[in-house]
Amino acid sequence: MLNKKDLLGIKELSVEEINLILDTAAGFKDVIGRDIKKVPALRGKTAVNLFFEPSTRTRTSFELAAKRLSTDVINFSVPTSSVVKGESLIDTALTVQALGADFVIIRHSSSGVPHLLAKKLKASVINAGDGINEHPTQALLDAFTIKEKKGNIEGLKIAIVGDITHSRVAKSNIYSLIKLGANVRLIGPPTLIPKEMVTLGVEIFHNMEEGLKNVDVLIMLRIQMERQGKGFFPSTEEYARNWGLSLERLSLAKDDAIVMHPGPMNRGIEIVSEIADGPRSVILDQVTNGIAVRMAVMYLLAGVKR
């Protein structure tokens, strides 16, 4: 079992803990492939999805993961809650815990919110994305998918392409992939890759053609349209021309390179449809693997004595 109550970020996990989650997820992947997709592992437990930002994939994935473990699930709707009446985040979380929550799965636009809640709650807090900080379960499902397709992660050349500055997915992936022994390179506009990222042990490229040479895995990131007006790049057309993934650019990677994306995709900007829907795309595998990984996280956290 994990020797901790909460999953707050990849930064806090050891290599052994990451591998424990991935190995446990492999067992649950078999479960979700069966005709009867439920196991009674966490029967009687309750999970609350506390999402303060819009989400389709992550919230649904956590909900399905919990239900596959026979856990009761409550989806907390912020617009119809007491939050709109001025109730504080801490009071909301304490109320949810008092209702019997064993897991509080939190997504929030402010970095550090899951860490704050973890100090206040006896329930396990799982970070489903906090501001521009981390998105640990996305990085875990990405690592699981890479390991599934490539057999191992150590020594692979992995390119993460796009808006690194604002991407919690990128940061969690950098932490996990470096810990697991990959050679990580970041590709994108100079305005969207902080120079200090090199201190994490990554290479930085501002030219797609140079950055994609001989890579084993490409992780394309969503361009966050809500930030586009702040002048990080001139236009989506220029972004697509310089940093979008085309068939020609993909040919620079290894012949068996795989393409990933955390979703939602901006087709024709970050990635062309021929690649997103093509044989080298593992984007839908990521979605399926997310359920197994989140099942593993909840199962392992449930084993920690409070």
C-alpha atoms as a PDB file:
ATOM      1  CA  MET A   1       0.000   0.000   0.000  1.00  0.00           C
ATOM      2  CA  LEU A   2       1.034   3.632  -0.385  1.00  0.00           C
ATOM      3  CA  ASN A   3       2.540   5.027   2.785  1.00  0.00           C
ATOM      4  CA  LYS A   4       0.427   8.182   2.607  1.00  0.00           C
ATOM      5  CA  LYS A   5      -3.161   9.297   3.048  1.00  0.00           C
ATOM      6  CA  ASP A   6      -3.404  11.529  -0.033  1.00  0.00           C
ATOM      7  CA  LEU A   7      -2.261  11.818  -3.643  1.00  0.00           C
ATOM      8  CA  LEU A   8      -1.332  15.460  -4.057  1.00  0.00           C
ATOM      9  CA  GLY A   9       1.337  15.379  -6.752  1.00  0.00           C
ATOM     10  CA  ILE A  10       3.969  13.328  -8.527  1.00  0.00           C
ATOM     11  CA  LYS A  11       6.653  15.478  -6.922  1.00  0.00           C
ATOM     12  CA  GLU A  12       5.917  13.813  -3.570  1.00  0.00           C
ATOM     13  CA  LEU A  13       6.036  10.234  -4.925  1.00  0.00           C
ATOM     14  CA  SER A  14       9.086   7.983  -4.987  1.00  0.00           C
ATOM     15  CA  VAL A  15       9.947   5.796  -7.976  1.00  0.00           C
ATOM     16  CA  GLU A  16       8.821   2.777  -5.939  1.00  0.00           C
ATOM     17  CA  GLU A  17       5.441   4.375  -5.227  1.00  0.00           C
ATOM     18  CA  ILE A  18       4.914   5.297  -8.887  1.00  0.00           C
ATOM     19  CA  ASN A  19       5.721   1.729  -9.941  1.00  0.00           C
ATOM     20  CA  LEU A  20       3.409   0.329  -7.249  1.00  0.00           C
ATOM     21  CA  ILE A  21       0.521   2.373  -8.679  1.00  0.00           C
ATOM     22  CA  LEU A  22       1.335   1.309 -12.250  1.00  0.00           C
ATOM     23  CA  ASP A  23       1.621  -2.378 -11.288  1.00  0.00           C
ATOM     24  CA  THR A  24      -1.668  -2.225  -9.354  1.00  0.00           C
ATOM     25  CA  ALA A  25      -3.346  -0.507 -12.311  1.00  0.00           C
ATOM     26  CA  ALA A  26      -2.277  -3.379 -14.572  1.00  0.00           C
ATOM     27  CA  GLY A  27      -4.391  -5.745 -12.462  1.00  0.00           C
ATOM     28  CA  PHE A  28      -7.379  -3.426 -12.603  1.00  0.00           C
ATOM     29  CA  LYS A  29      -7.007  -3.075 -16.389  1.00  0.00           C
ATOM     30  CA  ASP A  30      -7.927  -6.756 -16.596  1.00  0.00           C
ATOM     31  CA  VAL A  31     -11.014  -6.100 -14.453  1.00  0.00           C
ATOM     32  CA  ILE A  32     -12.402  -3.338 -16.676  1.00  0.00           C
ATOM     33  CA  GLY A  33     -12.019  -5.630 -19.694  1.00  0.00           C
ATOM     34  CA  ARG A  34     -14.389  -8.228 -18.271  1.00  0.00           C
ATOM     35  CA  ASP A  35     -18.109  -8.542 -18.951  1.00  0.00           C
ATOM     36  CA  ILE A  36     -18.752  -7.798 -15.271  1.00  0.00           C
ATOM     37  CA  LYS A  37     -16.533  -4.816 -14.600  1.00  0.00           C
ATOM     38  CA  LYS A  38     -17.007  -4.489 -10.831  1.00  0.00           C
ATOM     39  CA  VAL A  39     -14.996  -5.745  -7.870  1.00  0.00           C
ATOM     40  CA  PRO A  40     -16.079  -5.363  -4.229  1.00  0.00           C
ATOM     41  CA  ALA A  41     -12.695  -4.008  -3.114  1.00  0.00           C
ATOM     42  CA  LEU A  42     -14.011  -0.726  -1.664  1.00  0.00           C
ATOM     43  CA  ARG A  43     -17.635  -1.594  -0.990  1.00  0.00           C
ATOM     44  CA  GLY A  44     -19.101   0.753   1.629  1.00  0.00           C
ATOM     45  CA  LYS A  45     -16.681   3.597   0.849  1.00  0.00           C
ATOM     46  CA  THR A  46     -17.827   6.973  -0.511  1.00  0.00           C
ATOM     47  CA  ALA A  47     -16.034   9.228  -2.998  1.00  0.00           C
ATOM     48  CA  VAL A  48     -16.974  12.859  -3.613  1.00  0.00           C
ATOM     49  CA  ASN A  49     -16.026  14.618  -6.852  1.00  0.00           C
ATOM     50  CA  LEU A  50     -15.442  18.227  -5.794  1.00  0.00           C
ATOM     51  CA  PHE A  51     -14.810  19.977  -9.109  1.00  0.00           C
ATOM     52  CA  PHE A  52     -14.532  23.763  -9.175  1.00  0.00           C
ATOM     53  CA  GLU A  53     -13.476  23.764 -12.847  1.00  0.00           C
ATOM     54  CA  PRO A  54     -15.188  22.235 -15.900  1.00  0.00           C
ATOM     55  CA  SER A  55     -14.197  18.655 -16.647  1.00  0.00           C
ATOM     56  CA  THR A  56     -15.539  15.777 -18.684  1.00  0.00           C
ATOM     57  CA  ARG A  57     -12.785  13.170 -18.936  1.00  0.00           C
ATOM     58  CA  THR A  58     -11.259  13.409 -15.472  1.00  0.00           C
ATOM     59  CA  ARG A  59     -14.493  13.628 -13.491  1.00  0.00           C
ATOM     60  CA  THR A  60     -16.160  10.829 -15.456  1.00  0.00           C
ATOM     61  CA  SER A  61     -13.021   8.688 -15.194  1.00  0.00           C
ATOM     62  CA  PHE A  62     -12.899   9.081 -11.409  1.00  0.00           C
ATOM     63  CA  GLU A  63     -16.616   8.336 -11.165  1.00  0.00           C
ATOM     64  CA  LEU A  64     -16.284   5.145 -13.213  1.00  0.00           C
ATOM     65  CA  ALA A  65     -13.155   4.102 -11.304  1.00  0.00           C
ATOM     66  CA  ALA A  66     -14.962   4.459  -7.992  1.00  0.00           C
ATOM     67  CA  LYS A  67     -18.011   2.560  -9.222  1.00  0.00           C
ATOM     68  CA  ARG A  68     -15.838  -0.263 -10.577  1.00  0.00           C
ATOM     69  CA  LEU A  69     -14.526  -0.626  -6.998  1.00  0.00           C
ATOM     70  CA  SER A  70     -18.136  -0.713  -5.678  1.00  0.00           C
ATOM     71  CA  THR A  71     -17.689   2.722  -4.085  1.00  0.00           C
ATOM     72  CA  ASP A  72     -20.601   5.159  -3.760  1.00  0.00           C
ATOM     73  CA  VAL A  73     -20.051   8.389  -5.692  1.00  0.00           C
ATOM     74  CA  ILE A  74     -21.369  11.896  -5.153  1.00  0.00           C
ATOM     75  CA  ASN A  75     -20.784  14.516  -7.852  1.00  0.00           C
ATOM     76  CA  PHE A  76     -20.688  17.898  -6.124  1.00  0.00           C
ATOM     77  CA  SER A  77     -22.160  20.676  -8.268  1.00  0.00           C
ATOM     78  CA  VAL A  78     -20.571  24.020  -7.362  1.00  0.00           C
ATOM     79  CA  PRO A  79     -23.175  26.272  -9.107  1.00  0.00           C
ATOM     80  CA  THR A  80     -25.998  24.747  -7.025  1.00  0.00           C
ATOM     81  CA  SER A  81     -24.059  24.506  -3.753  1.00  0.00           C
ATOM     82  CA  SER A  82     -23.619  26.778  -0.733  1.00  0.00           C
ATOM     83  CA  VAL A  83     -20.350  27.996  -2.271  1.00  0.00           C
ATOM     84  CA  VAL A  84     -22.395  30.538  -4.234  1.00  0.00           C
ATOM     85  CA  LYS A  85     -23.768  31.780  -0.885  1.00  0.00           C
ATOM     86  CA  GLY A  86     -20.252  32.515   0.325  1.00  0.00           C
ATOM     87  CA  GLU A  87     -19.362  29.272   2.114  1.00  0.00           C
ATOM     88  CA  SER A  88     -15.589  28.821   2.345  1.00  0.00           C
ATOM     89  CA  LEU A  89     -13.769  25.997   0.602  1.00  0.00           C
ATOM     90  CA  ILE A  90     -12.662  24.518   3.928  1.00  0.00           C
ATOM     91  CA  ASP A  91     -16.200  24.555   5.340  1.00  0.00           C
ATOM     92  CA  THR A  92     -17.523  22.943   2.156  1.00  0.00           C
ATOM     93  CA  ALA A  93     -14.896  20.188   2.378  1.00  0.00           C
ATOM     94  CA  LEU A  94     -15.536  19.605   6.088  1.00  0.00           C
ATOM     95  CA  THR A  95     -19.266  19.339   5.385  1.00  0.00           C
ATOM     96  CA  VAL A  96     -18.592  16.788   2.642  1.00  0.00           C
ATOM     97  CA  GLN A  97     -16.410  14.800   5.047  1.00  0.00           C
ATOM     98  CA  ALA A  98     -19.092  14.943   7.752  1.00  0.00           C
ATOM     99  CA  LEU A  99     -21.497  13.372   5.260  1.00  0.00           C
ATOM    100  CA  GLY A 100     -19.221  10.330   5.187  1.00  0.00           C
ATOM    101  CA  ALA A 101     -16.742  10.927   2.372  1.00  0.00           C
ATOM    102  CA  ASP A 102     -13.718   8.616   2.401  1.00  0.00           C
ATOM    103  CA  PHE A 103     -12.215  10.224  -0.719  1.00  0.00           C
ATOM    104  CA  VAL A 104     -12.398  13.877  -1.717  1.00  0.00           C
ATOM    105  CA  ILE A 105     -11.352  14.273  -5.358  1.00  0.00           C
ATOM    106  CA  ILE A 106     -10.656  17.948  -5.925  1.00  0.00           C
ATOM    107  CA  ARG A 107     -10.087  20.059  -9.035  1.00  0.00           C
ATOM    108  CA  HIS A 108      -9.542  23.773  -8.489  1.00  0.00           C
ATOM    109  CA  SER A 109      -8.216  26.739 -10.451  1.00  0.00           C
ATOM    110  CA  SER A 110      -5.884  27.738  -7.602  1.00  0.00           C
ATOM    111  CA  SER A 111      -2.590  25.929  -7.125  1.00  0.00           C
ATOM    112  CA  GLY A 112      -2.152  24.333  -3.708  1.00  0.00           C
ATOM    113  CA  VAL A 113      -5.826  23.817  -2.817  1.00  0.00           C
ATOM    114  CA  PRO A 114      -5.531  19.987  -2.507  1.00  0.00           C
ATOM    115  CA  HIS A 115      -2.546  20.414  -0.181  1.00  0.00           C
ATOM    116  CA  LEU A 116      -4.557  22.792   2.005  1.00  0.00           C
ATOM    117  CA  LEU A 117      -7.506  20.399   2.205  1.00  0.00           C
ATOM    118  CA  ALA A 118      -5.253  17.430   2.978  1.00  0.00           C
ATOM    119  CA  LYS A 119      -4.127  19.171   6.176  1.00  0.00           C
ATOM    120  CA  LYS A 120      -7.724  19.743   7.276  1.00  0.00           C
ATOM    121  CA  LEU A 121      -9.403  16.453   6.327  1.00  0.00           C
ATOM    122  CA  LYS A 122      -9.154  12.898   7.602  1.00  0.00           C
ATOM    123  CA  ALA A 123     -10.535  11.716   4.253  1.00  0.00           C
ATOM    124  CA  SER A 124      -8.077  10.941   1.457  1.00  0.00           C
ATOM    125  CA  VAL A 125      -7.611  13.945  -0.825  1.00  0.00           C
ATOM    126  CA  ILE A 126      -6.834  13.214  -4.474  1.00  0.00           C
ATOM    127  CA  ASN A 127      -5.604  16.053  -6.656  1.00  0.00           C
ATOM    128  CA  ALA A 128      -7.523  16.069  -9.954  1.00  0.00           C
ATOM    129  CA  GLY A 129      -5.731  19.207 -11.127  1.00  0.00           C
ATOM    130  CA  ASP A 130      -4.804  22.340  -9.172  1.00  0.00           C
ATOM    131  CA  GLY A 131      -4.198  25.561 -11.078  1.00  0.00           C
ATOM    132  CA  ILE A 132      -0.955  25.397 -13.042  1.00  0.00           C
ATOM    133  CA  ASN A 133       0.683  23.134 -10.462  1.00  0.00           C
ATOM    134  CA  GLU A 134       0.019  19.401 -11.001  1.00  0.00           C
ATOM    135  CA  HIS A 135      -2.351  16.785 -12.388  1.00  0.00           C
ATOM    136  CA  PRO A 136      -0.850  13.581 -10.938  1.00  0.00           C
ATOM    137  CA  THR A 137      -3.328  10.965 -12.160  1.00  0.00           C
ATOM    138  CA  GLN A 138      -2.953  12.193 -15.746  1.00  0.00           C
ATOM    139  CA  ALA A 139       0.811  11.704 -15.520  1.00  0.00           C
ATOM    140  CA  LEU A 140       0.310   8.248 -14.006  1.00  0.00           C
ATOM    141  CA  LEU A 141      -2.058   7.142 -16.770  1.00  0.00           C
ATOM    142  CA  ASP A 142       0.352   8.556 -19.349  1.00  0.00           C
ATOM    143  CA  ALA A 143       3.220   6.570 -17.811  1.00  0.00           C
ATOM    144  CA  PHE A 144       1.011   3.473 -17.709  1.00  0.00           C
ATOM    145  CA  THR A 145       0.135   3.894 -21.403  1.00  0.00           C
ATOM    146  CA  ILE A 146       3.764   4.414 -22.431  1.00  0.00           C
ATOM    147  CA  LYS A 147       4.853   1.363 -20.441  1.00  0.00           C
ATOM    148  CA  GLU A 148       2.020  -0.687 -21.957  1.00  0.00           C
ATOM    149  CA  LYS A 149       2.975   0.272 -25.515  1.00  0.00           C
ATOM    150  CA  LYS A 150       6.760   0.392 -25.186  1.00  0.00           C
ATOM    151  CA  GLY A 151       7.473  -2.187 -22.475  1.00  0.00           C
ATOM    152  CA  ASN A 152       9.639   0.184 -20.470  1.00  0.00           C
ATOM    153  CA  ILE A 153      10.139   3.910 -19.940  1.00  0.00           C
ATOM    154  CA  GLU A 154      13.802   4.075 -19.017  1.00  0.00           C
ATOM    155  CA  GLY A 155      15.914   5.412 -21.881  1.00  0.00           C
ATOM    156  CA  LEU A 156      12.996   6.518 -24.077  1.00  0.00           C
ATOM    157  CA  LYS A 157      13.126   9.910 -25.802  1.00  0.00           C
ATOM    158  CA  ILE A 158       9.845  11.639 -24.940  1.00  0.00           C
ATOM    159  CA  ALA A 159       8.793  15.032 -26.329  1.00  0.00           C
ATOM    160  CA  ILE A 160       6.185  17.183 -24.591  1.00  0.00           C
ATOM    161  CA  VAL A 161       4.902  19.794 -27.037  1.00  0.00           C
ATOM    162  CA  GLY A 162       2.994  23.022 -26.438  1.00  0.00           C
ATOM    163  CA  ASP A 163       2.042  25.285 -23.551  1.00  0.00           C
ATOM    164  CA  ILE A 164       4.377  24.122 -20.782  1.00  0.00           C
ATOM    165  CA  THR A 165       3.990  27.309 -18.724  1.00  0.00           C
ATOM    166  CA  HIS A 166       0.299  26.847 -17.956  1.00  0.00           C
ATOM    167  CA  SER A 167       0.135  23.043 -18.136  1.00  0.00           C
ATOM    168  CA  ARG A 168      -0.235  21.078 -14.903  1.00  0.00           C
ATOM    169  CA  VAL A 169      -0.202  17.947 -17.082  1.00  0.00           C
ATOM    170  CA  ALA A 170       3.247  18.847 -18.418  1.00  0.00           C
ATOM    171  CA  LYS A 171       4.674  19.454 -14.965  1.00  0.00           C
ATOM    172  CA  SER A 172       3.410  16.157 -13.541  1.00  0.00           C
ATOM    173  CA  ASN A 173       4.640  14.314 -16.636  1.00  0.00           C
ATOM    174  CA  ILE A 174       8.089  15.878 -16.346  1.00  0.00           C
ATOM    175  CA  TYR A 175       8.373  14.777 -12.706  1.00  0.00           C
ATOM    176  CA  SER A 176       7.195  11.216 -13.384  1.00  0.00           C
ATOM    177  CA  LEU A 177       9.056  10.562 -16.632  1.00  0.00           C
ATOM    178  CA  ILE A 178      12.367  11.921 -15.325  1.00  0.00           C
ATOM    179  CA  LYS A 179      12.008   9.756 -12.196  1.00  0.00           C
ATOM    180  CA  LEU A 180      11.328   6.716 -14.392  1.00  0.00           C
ATOM    181  CA  GLY A 181      14.479   7.299 -16.440  1.00  0.00           C
ATOM    182  CA  ALA A 182      13.190   8.863 -19.671  1.00  0.00           C
ATOM    183  CA  ASN A 183      15.000  11.541 -21.672  1.00  0.00           C
ATOM    184  CA  VAL A 184      12.459  14.374 -21.735  1.00  0.00           C
ATOM    185  CA  ARG A 185      12.482  17.257 -24.188  1.00  0.00           C
ATOM    186  CA  LEU A 186      10.105  20.227 -24.214  1.00  0.00           C
ATOM    187  CA  ILE A 187       9.071  21.833 -27.511  1.00  0.00           C
ATOM    188  CA  GLY A 188       7.135  25.053 -28.008  1.00  0.00           C
ATOM    189  CA  PRO A 189       7.270  28.847 -28.280  1.00  0.00           C
ATOM    190  CA  PRO A 190       9.850  30.601 -26.047  1.00  0.00           C
ATOM    191  CA  THR A 191       6.977  32.432 -24.331  1.00  0.00           C
ATOM    192  CA  LEU A 192       5.431  29.124 -23.232  1.00  0.00           C
ATOM    193  CA  ILE A 193       8.492  27.294 -21.881  1.00  0.00           C
ATOM    194  CA  PRO A 194      10.115  28.798 -18.772  1.00  0.00           C
ATOM    195  CA  LYS A 195      13.934  28.726 -19.083  1.00  0.00           C
ATOM    196  CA  GLU A 196      14.270  27.449 -15.514  1.00  0.00           C
ATOM    197  CA  MET A 197      12.693  24.164 -16.607  1.00  0.00           C
ATOM    198  CA  VAL A 198      16.183  22.998 -17.606  1.00  0.00           C
ATOM    199  CA  THR A 199      16.949  22.596 -13.891  1.00  0.00           C
ATOM    200  CA  LEU A 200      14.522  19.633 -13.890  1.00  0.00           C
ATOM    201  CA  GLY A 201      16.787  17.734 -16.283  1.00  0.00           C
ATOM    202  CA  VAL A 202      14.919  18.348 -19.555  1.00  0.00           C
ATOM    203  CA  GLU A 203      16.074  19.643 -22.932  1.00  0.00           C
ATOM    204  CA  ILE A 204      14.291  22.639 -24.465  1.00  0.00           C
ATOM    205  CA  PHE A 205      13.611  23.104 -28.189  1.00  0.00           C
ATOM    206  CA  HIS A 206      11.804  25.974 -29.880  1.00  0.00           C
ATOM    207  CA  ASN A 207      11.948  24.316 -33.294  1.00  0.00           C
ATOM    208  CA  MET A 208       9.633  21.346 -33.922  1.00  0.00           C
ATOM    209  CA  GLU A 209      11.798  19.789 -36.615  1.00  0.00           C
ATOM    210  CA  GLU A 210      14.836  19.679 -34.314  1.00  0.00           C
ATOM    211  CA  GLY A 211      12.910  18.586 -31.247  1.00  0.00           C
ATOM    212  CA  LEU A 212      11.076  15.687 -32.879  1.00  0.00           C
ATOM    213  CA  LYS A 213      14.112  13.910 -34.330  1.00  0.00           C
ATOM    214  CA  ASN A 214      14.202  10.266 -33.233  1.00  0.00           C
ATOM    215  CA  VAL A 215      11.675  10.594 -30.375  1.00  0.00           C
ATOM    216  CA  ASP A 216       9.825   7.505 -29.150  1.00  0.00           C
ATOM    217  CA  VAL A 217       6.795   9.288 -27.686  1.00  0.00           C
ATOM    218  CA  LEU A 218       5.073  12.603 -28.426  1.00  0.00           C
ATOM    219  CA  ILE A 219       2.784  14.154 -25.821  1.00  0.00           C
ATOM    220  CA  MET A 220       0.835  16.989 -27.413  1.00  0.00           C
ATOM    221  CA  LEU A 221      -0.687  19.553 -25.053  1.00  0.00           C
ATOM    222  CA  ARG A 222      -3.863  21.579 -25.360  1.00  0.00           C
ATOM    223  CA  ILE A 223      -3.438  25.214 -26.311  1.00  0.00           C
ATOM    224  CA  GLN A 224      -5.366  26.994 -23.592  1.00  0.00           C
ATOM    225  CA  MET A 225      -7.521  29.321 -25.650  1.00  0.00           C
ATOM    226  CA  GLU A 226      -8.579  31.221 -22.525  1.00  0.00           C
ATOM    227  CA  ARG A 227      -4.981  32.505 -22.264  1.00  0.00           C
ATOM    228  CA  GLN A 228      -4.435  33.185 -25.978  1.00  0.00           C
ATOM    229  CA  GLY A 229      -5.465  36.827 -25.626  1.00  0.00           C
ATOM    230  CA  LYS A 230      -2.479  37.459 -23.367  1.00  0.00           C
ATOM    231  CA  GLY A 231      -0.078  37.453 -26.309  1.00  0.00           C
ATOM    232  CA  PHE A 232       1.873  34.246 -25.739  1.00  0.00           C
ATOM    233  CA  PHE A 233       1.805  33.673 -29.517  1.00  0.00           C
ATOM    234  CA  PRO A 234       0.408  35.826 -32.357  1.00  0.00           C
ATOM    235  CA  SER A 235      -2.415  33.551 -33.542  1.00  0.00           C
ATOM    236  CA  THR A 236      -3.635  29.958 -33.577  1.00  0.00           C
ATOM    237  CA  GLU A 237      -2.768  29.828 -37.280  1.00  0.00           C
ATOM    238  CA  GLU A 238       0.848  30.695 -36.560  1.00  0.00           C
ATOM    239  CA  TYR A 239       0.948  28.246 -33.678  1.00  0.00           C
ATOM    240  CA  ALA A 240      -0.300  25.444 -35.957  1.00  0.00           C
ATOM    241  CA  ARG A 241       2.234  26.399 -38.613  1.00  0.00           C
ATOM    242  CA  ASN A 242       5.195  26.339 -36.209  1.00  0.00           C
ATOM    243  CA  TRP A 243       4.295  23.850 -33.466  1.00  0.00           C
ATOM    244  CA  GLY A 244       1.331  21.806 -34.701  1.00  0.00           C
ATOM    245  CA  LEU A 245       1.849  18.094 -35.357  1.00  0.00           C
ATOM    246  CA  SER A 246       1.551  17.266 -39.050  1.00  0.00           C
ATOM    247  CA  LEU A 247       2.233  13.998 -40.877  1.00  0.00           C
ATOM    248  CA  GLU A 248       5.454  15.467 -42.237  1.00  0.00           C
ATOM    249  CA  ARG A 249       6.670  16.361 -38.746  1.00  0.00           C
ATOM    250  CA  LEU A 250       5.657  13.008 -37.322  1.00  0.00           C
ATOM    251  CA  SER A 251       7.909  11.346 -39.909  1.00  0.00           C
ATOM    252  CA  LEU A 252      10.909  12.881 -38.090  1.00  0.00           C
ATOM    253  CA  ALA A 253      10.167  10.759 -35.023  1.00  0.00           C
ATOM    254  CA  LYS A 254      10.976   7.056 -34.863  1.00  0.00           C
ATOM    255  CA  ASP A 255       8.890   4.824 -37.122  1.00  0.00           C
ATOM    256  CA  ASP A 256       7.172   3.253 -34.108  1.00  0.00           C
ATOM    257  CA  ALA A 257       6.688   6.496 -32.177  1.00  0.00           C
ATOM    258  CA  ILE A 258       3.333   6.878 -30.433  1.00  0.00           C
ATOM    259  CA  VAL A 259       1.271  10.073 -30.136  1.00  0.00           C
ATOM    260  CA  MET A 260      -0.545  11.092 -26.962  1.00  0.00           C
ATOM    261  CA  HIS A 261      -2.819  13.957 -25.899  1.00  0.00           C
ATOM    262  CA  PRO A 262      -4.534  14.562 -22.536  1.00  0.00           C
ATOM    263  CA  GLY A 263      -7.573  16.088 -24.247  1.00  0.00           C
ATOM    264  CA  PRO A 264      -9.595  17.954 -25.172  1.00  0.00           C
ATOM    265  CA  MET A 265      -7.850  18.414 -28.530  1.00  0.00           C
ATOM    266  CA  ASN A 266      -7.942  21.482 -30.723  1.00  0.00           C
ATOM    267  CA  ARG A 267      -7.880  19.597 -34.030  1.00  0.00           C
ATOM    268  CA  GLY A 268      -6.000  21.294 -36.812  1.00  0.00           C
ATOM    269  CA  ILE A 269      -4.070  23.458 -34.353  1.00  0.00           C
ATOM    270  CA  GLU A 270      -2.135  21.134 -32.034  1.00  0.00           C
ATOM    271  CA  ILE A 271      -2.604  18.010 -34.119  1.00  0.00           C
ATOM    272  CA  VAL A 272      -4.118  17.071 -37.481  1.00  0.00           C
ATOM    273  CA  SER A 273      -7.028  14.616 -37.558  1.00  0.00           C
ATOM    274  CA  GLU A 274      -5.081  12.110 -39.696  1.00  0.00           C
ATOM    275  CA  ILE A 275      -2.718  11.617 -36.738  1.00  0.00           C
ATOM    276  CA  ALA A 276      -5.269  11.915 -33.924  1.00  0.00           C
ATOM    277  CA  ASP A 277      -7.389   9.184 -35.538  1.00  0.00           C
ATOM    278  CA  GLY A 278      -4.474   7.261 -37.030  1.00  0.00           C
ATOM    279  CA  PRO A 279      -2.706   4.017 -36.051  1.00  0.00           C
ATOM    280  CA  ARG A 280       0.034   5.732 -34.039  1.00  0.00           C
ATOM    281  CA  SER A 281      -2.387   7.584 -31.804  1.00  0.00           C
ATOM    282  CA  VAL A 282      -2.953   6.079 -28.324  1.00  0.00           C
ATOM    283  CA  ILE A 283      -5.255   8.872 -27.163  1.00  0.00           C
ATOM    284  CA  LEU A 284      -8.265   6.604 -26.586  1.00  0.00           C
ATOM    285  CA  ASP A 285      -6.026   4.076 -24.810  1.00  0.00           C
ATOM    286  CA  GLN A 286      -5.109   6.873 -22.410  1.00  0.00           C
ATOM    287  CA  VAL A 287      -8.789   7.394 -21.604  1.00  0.00           C
ATOM    288  CA  THR A 288      -9.336   3.690 -20.875  1.00  0.00           C
ATOM    289  CA  ASN A 289      -6.139   3.429 -18.857  1.00  0.00           C
ATOM    290  CA  GLY A 290      -7.191   6.417 -16.772  1.00  0.00           C
ATOM    291  CA  ILE A 291      -9.948   4.333 -15.176  1.00  0.00           C
ATOM    292  CA  ALA A 292      -7.518   1.552 -14.196  1.00  0.00           C
ATOM    293  CA  VAL A 293      -4.975   4.012 -12.795  1.00  0.00           C
ATOM    294  CA  ARG A 294      -7.567   5.885 -10.732  1.00  0.00           C
ATOM    295  CA  MET A 295      -8.917   2.577  -9.413  1.00  0.00           C
ATOM    296  CA  ALA A 296      -5.367   1.742  -8.320  1.00  0.00           C
ATOM    297  CA  VAL A 297      -4.897   5.102  -6.598  1.00  0.00           C
ATOM    298  CA  MET A 298      -8.118   4.816  -4.571  1.00  0.00           C
ATOM    299  CA  TYR A 299      -7.467   1.177  -3.703  1.00  0.00           C
ATOM    300  CA  LEU A 300      -3.945   1.912  -2.464  1.00  0.00           C
ATOM    301  CA  LEU A 301      -4.945   5.033  -0.501  1.00  0.00           C
ATOM    302  CA  ALA A 302      -7.757   3.088   1.183  1.00  0.00           C
ATOM    303  CA  GLY A 303      -5.157   0.768   2.694  1.00  0.00           C
ATOM    304  CA  VAL A 304      -3.527   3.559   4.710  1.00  0.00           C
ATOM    305  CA  LYS A 305      -4.540   3.516   8.362  1.00  0.00           C
ATOM    306  CA  ARG A 306      -5.803   6.915   9.471  1.00  0.00           C
END
